[in-house]
Protein backbone atom coordinates (compact mmCIF):
# COMPACT_ATOMS: atom_id res chain seq x y z
CA MET A 1 103.18 144.31 39.45
CA VAL A 2 103.57 147.01 41.83
CA ILE A 3 105.84 147.52 44.78
CA THR A 4 105.67 150.37 47.36
CA GLN A 5 108.09 151.64 49.71
CA THR A 6 106.90 153.37 53.16
CA PRO A 7 109.01 154.72 55.89
CA PHE A 8 108.44 154.30 59.47
CA ARG A 9 108.07 157.15 61.75
CA MET A 10 109.29 158.53 65.03
CA SER A 11 107.34 161.02 67.01
CA PHE A 12 109.24 163.40 69.16
CA PHE A 13 106.41 165.40 70.76
CA GLY A 14 102.87 165.74 70.95
CA GLY A 15 101.79 162.02 71.14
CA GLY A 16 98.15 161.71 72.42
CA THR A 17 97.16 165.00 70.89
CA ASP A 18 96.20 163.49 67.82
CA PHE A 19 93.31 161.74 69.37
CA GLU A 20 89.98 162.88 67.75
CA GLU A 21 88.70 163.16 71.32
CA PHE A 22 91.44 165.60 72.17
CA TYR A 23 92.12 167.63 69.11
CA LYS A 24 88.40 168.24 68.18
CA GLU A 25 88.21 170.19 71.31
CA HIS A 26 91.66 171.65 71.91
CA GLY A 27 93.41 171.26 68.75
CA GLY A 28 96.65 169.06 68.67
CA ALA A 29 100.24 168.83 67.26
CA VAL A 30 102.90 166.64 66.80
CA LEU A 31 106.72 166.84 65.89
CA SER A 32 107.79 163.84 63.97
CA THR A 33 110.14 162.41 61.43
CA THR A 34 110.13 159.35 59.18
CA PHE A 35 113.56 157.62 58.91
CA ASP A 36 115.18 155.03 56.37
CA LYS A 37 113.62 151.88 57.69
CA TYR A 38 110.84 150.63 55.53
CA CYS A 39 107.95 148.29 54.73
CA TYR A 40 107.53 147.02 51.29
CA VAL A 41 104.26 145.88 49.85
CA THR A 42 104.01 143.66 46.71
CA VAL A 43 100.69 143.40 44.92
CA ARG A 44 99.79 141.81 41.61
CA HIS A 45 96.93 139.94 40.19
CA LEU A 46 96.92 136.31 41.01
CA PRO A 47 97.18 134.23 38.06
CA PRO A 48 94.06 131.91 37.27
CA PHE A 49 95.52 128.50 37.99
CA PHE A 50 94.72 128.12 41.76
CA ASP A 51 91.49 126.92 43.57
CA TYR A 52 91.85 130.12 45.69
CA TYR A 53 91.37 133.81 44.68
CA THR A 54 93.63 135.88 46.71
CA GLU A 55 96.89 134.87 48.53
CA LEU A 56 98.39 137.07 51.30
CA SER A 57 102.02 136.54 52.70
CA TYR A 58 102.85 138.46 55.87
CA SER A 59 103.57 136.66 59.26
CA LYS A 60 101.29 134.11 58.06
CA ILE A 61 99.92 133.16 54.57
CA GLU A 62 96.50 133.25 53.82
CA ARG A 63 94.61 131.59 50.69
CA VAL A 64 91.02 132.36 50.36
CA ARG A 65 88.20 132.30 47.70
CA GLU A 66 86.13 135.02 49.24
CA VAL A 67 87.37 138.51 50.68
CA GLU A 68 85.16 138.19 53.41
CA SER A 69 87.29 135.29 54.58
CA ILE A 70 90.73 137.23 54.89
CA GLN A 71 91.62 137.23 58.64
CA HIS A 72 93.96 140.50 58.30
CA PRO A 73 91.55 143.21 59.03
CA ALA A 74 93.09 145.87 57.09
CA VAL A 75 93.77 143.85 53.78
CA ARG A 76 90.04 142.63 54.12
CA GLU A 77 88.56 146.08 54.70
CA ALA A 78 90.86 147.64 52.18
CA MET A 79 90.11 145.30 49.47
CA LYS A 80 86.27 145.59 50.10
CA TYR A 81 86.38 149.42 50.31
CA LEU A 82 88.21 149.36 46.78
CA ARG A 83 86.18 146.50 45.64
CA LEU A 84 89.36 144.69 44.59
CA ASN A 85 89.73 140.64 43.88
CA ASN A 86 92.02 138.15 42.72
CA LEU A 87 95.31 139.36 44.38
CA ARG A 88 98.60 138.31 45.49
CA ILE A 89 100.00 140.61 48.23
CA THR A 90 103.28 140.27 49.89
CA TYR A 91 104.34 142.14 53.07
CA GLU A 92 107.78 142.46 54.37
CA ALA A 93 109.82 145.24 56.48
CA ASP A 94 113.09 146.37 57.92
CA LEU A 95 111.70 146.36 61.30
CA PRO A 96 109.38 144.23 63.31
CA ALA A 97 105.66 145.12 63.84
CA ARG A 98 104.47 146.05 67.38
CA SER A 99 107.36 148.15 67.89
CA GLY A 100 106.16 151.77 68.24
CA LEU A 101 107.19 152.97 64.98
CA GLY A 102 103.69 153.35 63.29
CA THR A 103 104.30 150.01 61.50
CA SER A 104 100.53 149.17 60.99
CA SER A 105 99.83 152.50 59.71
CA SER A 106 102.91 152.23 57.46
CA PHE A 107 101.50 149.17 56.10
CA ALA A 108 98.13 150.54 55.45
CA VAL A 109 99.55 153.37 53.41
CA GLY A 110 101.88 151.23 51.39
CA MET A 111 98.94 148.89 50.70
CA LEU A 112 96.60 151.51 49.54
CA ASN A 113 99.24 153.22 47.55
CA ALA A 114 100.03 150.02 45.70
CA PHE A 115 96.14 149.01 45.27
CA TYR A 116 95.59 152.47 43.54
CA ALA A 117 98.76 152.04 41.40
CA LEU A 118 97.48 148.51 40.43
CA GLU A 119 94.29 149.97 39.28
CA GLY A 120 96.26 152.60 37.20
CA ARG A 121 94.78 155.38 39.59
CA TYR A 122 96.73 158.23 41.16
CA ALA A 123 96.35 159.07 44.84
CA ASP A 124 98.41 161.89 46.29
CA LYS A 125 100.04 161.97 49.67
CA ARG A 126 96.95 163.52 51.32
CA GLN A 127 94.44 160.90 50.00
CA LEU A 128 96.58 158.19 50.98
CA ALA A 129 96.91 159.63 54.61
CA ASN A 130 93.06 160.12 54.87
CA ASP A 131 92.35 156.78 53.24
CA ALA A 132 94.57 154.99 55.45
CA ILE A 133 93.07 156.74 58.61
CA TYR A 134 89.38 155.77 57.60
CA LEU A 135 90.60 152.26 56.83
CA GLU A 136 92.02 152.02 60.34
CA ARG A 137 89.86 154.00 62.53
CA VAL A 138 86.64 153.62 61.02
CA LEU A 139 86.44 150.37 58.85
CA CYS A 140 88.60 148.51 61.31
CA ASN A 141 87.34 150.33 64.29
CA GLU A 142 90.81 150.26 65.94
CA ALA A 143 91.60 152.81 68.63
CA GLY A 144 94.40 155.40 68.04
CA GLY A 145 95.42 158.72 66.86
CA VAL A 146 96.01 159.93 63.24
CA GLN A 147 99.68 161.00 63.20
CA ASP A 148 100.91 157.73 61.81
CA GLN A 149 99.06 157.62 58.77
CA ILE A 150 100.01 161.16 57.81
CA ALA A 151 103.66 160.90 58.73
CA ALA A 152 104.00 157.64 56.64
CA ALA A 153 102.44 159.10 53.60
CA PHE A 154 104.24 162.43 53.60
CA GLY A 155 107.64 161.64 55.06
CA GLY A 156 109.80 164.03 56.28
CA LEU A 157 110.49 166.18 59.41
CA ASN A 158 107.35 167.86 59.84
CA ARG A 159 104.93 169.73 62.49
CA ILE A 160 101.65 168.28 61.88
CA ASP A 161 98.79 170.19 63.20
CA PHE A 162 95.17 168.84 63.95
CA HIS A 163 92.23 170.81 63.84
CA ALA A 164 88.63 170.00 64.20
CA GLU A 165 87.85 169.24 60.60
CA ASP A 166 91.54 168.80 59.09
CA TYR A 167 95.14 168.82 59.54
CA THR A 168 98.02 170.58 58.32
CA VAL A 169 101.46 169.23 57.55
CA LYS A 170 104.39 172.02 57.86
CA PRO A 171 107.97 170.83 57.04
CA ILE A 172 110.40 171.97 59.78
CA ILE A 173 112.85 174.47 58.19
CA ILE A 174 116.36 173.49 59.59
CA SER A 175 119.76 173.93 58.24
CA PRO A 176 121.22 170.90 56.91
CA ASP A 177 124.02 170.99 59.30
CA LYS A 178 121.63 171.23 62.47
CA LYS A 179 119.42 168.49 60.83
CA ALA A 180 122.50 166.29 60.55
CA ARG A 181 123.63 167.16 64.12
CA LEU A 182 120.25 166.07 65.30
CA ASN A 183 120.39 162.89 63.66
CA GLU A 184 123.75 162.25 64.69
CA ASN A 185 122.76 162.87 68.64
CA LEU A 186 119.87 160.55 68.26
CA MET A 187 120.32 156.89 69.33
CA LEU A 188 117.62 153.89 68.80
CA PHE A 189 117.48 150.62 70.86
CA PHE A 190 115.17 147.77 70.46
CA THR A 191 113.70 146.84 73.88
CA GLY A 192 111.51 143.79 72.63
CA PHE A 193 108.00 143.60 71.23
CA SER A 194 105.40 145.77 72.93
CA ARG A 195 101.89 144.96 73.90
CA PHE A 196 99.39 145.38 70.95
CA SER A 197 99.38 149.16 70.15
CA ALA A 198 95.50 149.13 69.98
CA ASP A 199 95.17 147.90 73.64
CA ILE A 200 97.17 150.65 75.03
CA GLN A 201 95.59 153.17 72.59
CA VAL A 202 92.23 152.14 74.27
CA ALA A 203 93.60 153.00 77.73
CA THR A 204 95.07 156.22 76.55
CA LYS A 205 91.53 157.24 74.80
CA THR A 206 89.96 156.57 78.12
CA SER A 207 92.31 158.49 80.16
CA ILE A 208 91.89 161.88 77.90
CA ALA A 209 89.35 163.47 79.89
CA SER A 210 91.11 162.97 83.12
CA LYS A 211 94.56 163.67 81.70
CA GLN A 212 93.67 166.83 80.00
CA ALA A 213 96.09 168.90 81.76
CA GLN A 214 99.02 166.50 80.67
CA LEU A 215 97.98 166.60 77.24
CA LEU A 216 97.72 170.46 77.00
CA GLU A 217 101.37 170.43 78.35
CA LEU A 218 102.37 168.14 75.68
CA PHE A 219 100.73 170.16 72.99
CA ARG A 220 102.63 173.13 74.13
CA LEU A 221 105.87 171.35 74.11
CA VAL A 222 105.58 171.11 70.21
CA ASP A 223 105.95 174.90 69.97
CA GLU A 224 108.96 174.84 72.38
CA ALA A 225 110.41 171.80 70.30
CA GLU A 226 110.07 173.47 67.04
CA GLN A 227 111.71 176.98 68.31
CA ILE A 228 114.76 174.76 69.40
CA LEU A 229 115.24 173.48 66.07
CA ILE A 230 114.34 176.54 63.65
CA THR A 231 116.42 179.20 65.83
CA GLU A 232 119.95 179.46 67.10
CA CYS A 233 118.81 177.48 70.09
CA ASP A 234 121.32 175.02 71.62
CA LEU A 235 120.23 171.86 70.26
CA ASP A 236 120.82 169.82 73.57
CA GLU A 237 117.70 171.52 74.66
CA PHE A 238 115.86 169.15 72.48
CA GLY A 239 117.30 166.25 74.32
CA ARG A 240 116.34 167.92 77.86
CA LEU A 241 112.76 168.51 76.27
CA LEU A 242 112.39 164.72 75.28
CA ASP A 243 113.09 163.80 79.11
CA TYR A 244 110.45 166.37 80.30
CA ALA A 245 107.99 165.15 77.85
CA TRP A 246 108.65 161.45 78.72
CA LYS A 247 107.87 161.88 82.29
CA ILE A 248 104.53 163.69 81.56
CA LYS A 249 103.57 160.90 79.04
CA ARG A 250 104.53 157.94 81.69
CA GLY A 251 101.78 159.70 83.90
CA ILE A 252 98.95 159.45 81.25
CA THR A 253 98.47 155.67 81.71
CA THR A 254 100.26 153.08 83.91
CA ILE A 255 100.78 150.91 80.90
CA VAL A 256 102.86 153.29 78.90
CA SER A 257 105.96 152.06 80.32
CA THR A 258 107.34 148.99 82.30
CA GLN A 259 109.62 148.52 85.20
CA SER A 260 112.38 147.00 82.84
CA ILE A 261 111.97 150.11 80.24
CA ASP A 262 112.36 152.34 83.30
CA ILE A 263 115.46 150.59 84.33
CA ALA A 264 116.94 150.98 80.82
CA TYR A 265 116.10 154.51 80.47
CA ALA A 266 117.71 155.31 83.62
CA ARG A 267 120.84 153.43 82.97
CA ALA A 268 121.17 155.58 79.56
CA ILE A 269 120.88 158.68 81.51
CA ARG A 270 123.44 157.76 83.94
CA ALA A 271 125.81 156.98 80.94
CA GLY A 272 125.32 160.30 79.39
CA ALA A 273 122.07 160.46 77.56
CA ILE A 274 120.33 164.01 78.05
CA GLY A 275 116.91 162.59 77.58
CA GLY A 276 114.74 160.27 75.61
CA LYS A 277 111.57 158.43 75.35
CA LEU A 278 109.93 155.26 74.46
CA LEU A 279 108.34 155.47 70.79
CA GLY A 280 104.93 154.71 70.19
CA ALA A 281 101.83 153.76 72.29
CA GLY A 282 104.07 152.18 75.09
CA GLY A 283 104.75 148.77 76.64
CA GLY A 284 107.95 147.97 74.61
CA GLY A 285 109.48 148.68 71.27
CA PHE A 286 112.10 151.15 70.79
CA LEU A 287 113.85 153.49 73.27
CA LEU A 288 115.25 156.88 71.58
CA PHE A 289 117.76 158.67 73.26
CA TYR A 290 119.48 162.25 72.73
CA VAL A 291 123.11 161.67 73.26
CA LYS A 292 126.26 163.73 72.64
CA LYS A 293 128.84 162.11 70.46
CA GLU A 294 131.32 161.93 73.46
CA TYR A 295 128.93 159.95 75.51
CA GLN A 296 127.44 157.37 72.85
CA THR A 297 130.13 154.78 73.13
CA ALA A 298 129.22 154.87 77.11
CA VAL A 299 125.59 154.77 76.25
CA ARG A 300 126.08 151.87 73.73
CA GLU A 301 127.95 150.01 76.44
CA ALA A 302 125.33 150.65 79.14
CA MET A 303 122.57 149.32 76.74
CA LYS A 304 124.51 146.43 75.39
CA ASP A 305 121.70 144.04 76.10
CA LEU A 306 119.45 145.90 73.71
CA LEU A 307 119.95 146.05 69.93
CA TYR A 308 121.29 149.14 68.64
CA VAL A 309 119.62 150.45 65.34
CA PRO A 310 121.35 153.09 63.41
CA PHE A 311 119.25 155.27 61.41
CA ALA A 312 119.06 158.15 58.96
CA PHE A 313 116.22 160.62 58.48
CA GLU A 314 114.02 160.35 55.01
CA ASN A 315 112.08 162.93 53.22
CA GLU A 316 110.02 161.24 50.65
CA GLY A 317 107.19 159.07 52.36
CA THR A 318 105.46 156.27 50.60
CA ARG A 319 106.39 155.91 47.13
CA VAL A 320 106.02 153.30 44.13
CA ILE A 321 109.41 151.77 43.33
CA HIS A 322 108.33 148.97 40.88
CA TYR A 323 105.17 149.62 38.49
CA VAL A 324 104.55 147.16 35.56
CA PRO A 325 100.84 147.67 34.56
CA GLU A 326 98.73 144.65 34.27
CA THR A 327 95.58 144.00 32.14
CA VAL A 328 94.05 141.08 33.83
CA LYS A 329 90.55 140.03 33.21
CA GLU A 330 88.51 139.16 36.59
CA ARG A 331 88.34 135.47 37.12
CA GLN A 332 84.83 134.01 37.21
CA LYS A 333 84.28 132.18 40.34
CA ALA A 334 82.92 128.56 40.08
């Protein structure tokens, strides 16, 4: 049996520049972090006592005799890709899916990590990120960028740069005190479930050509945000930059935000938040705000109709937290 723990991510700057259609021509970058909310994937070989050959437990339960019959596209395609059979797979998470935190990519990374471990094969973070990108963007043919898979695999507060044929992951060098203050000044609120991310990502993808100027500006802001963190610059500038970037992102496609999200955002700003953004593709999910400590009580009161979610940055990325090797002879199908 193998259990993996994979963190969710929050992207601060550069979202949209991680689309292949953009970075292959212009380059791209994001500044993001993982934090201490996780998904857990448990994988073991299915004992030979049942009339089905694979069992999945997530928001539904699937029991099938053929891998091709699996409804969950990522599980089905990953098992075909790695030629796996006779598995019991369980997924659970600290936060809900469709919430703007890269949950599907964290699941893909964690599942692949568990699959490799169950087979007694080591996969490093880059391989897990690359395989998850291939799984979601090619095998499952889902629209979207490539930052989520990389963040979930590597973990930590990073600048990720996208080049025509590759990417680089550079940890942000920041003092522990400043990093702690950044964490303390960020507040996370759940607005409700988003639309399906892939639907919004399709709209974002189709608008890349017409919104090139906005995406180039979001790309530039990654440099500015990094400088705020690694120099003696006033940390509050990070919050102001979040506000500026959010206003640009809202203009890329009309379905990024909603009237209720705009109202909630304005309420937090009036209560003392310096800036913020909606995490993920848009349409719902989590609102993140930069708020100085003296205004956080007022902001929580202003947002009392939304669920407040405390969090702490994490640095490890995906990892195997339980590993008991199994030697199982594959069942012969009747």
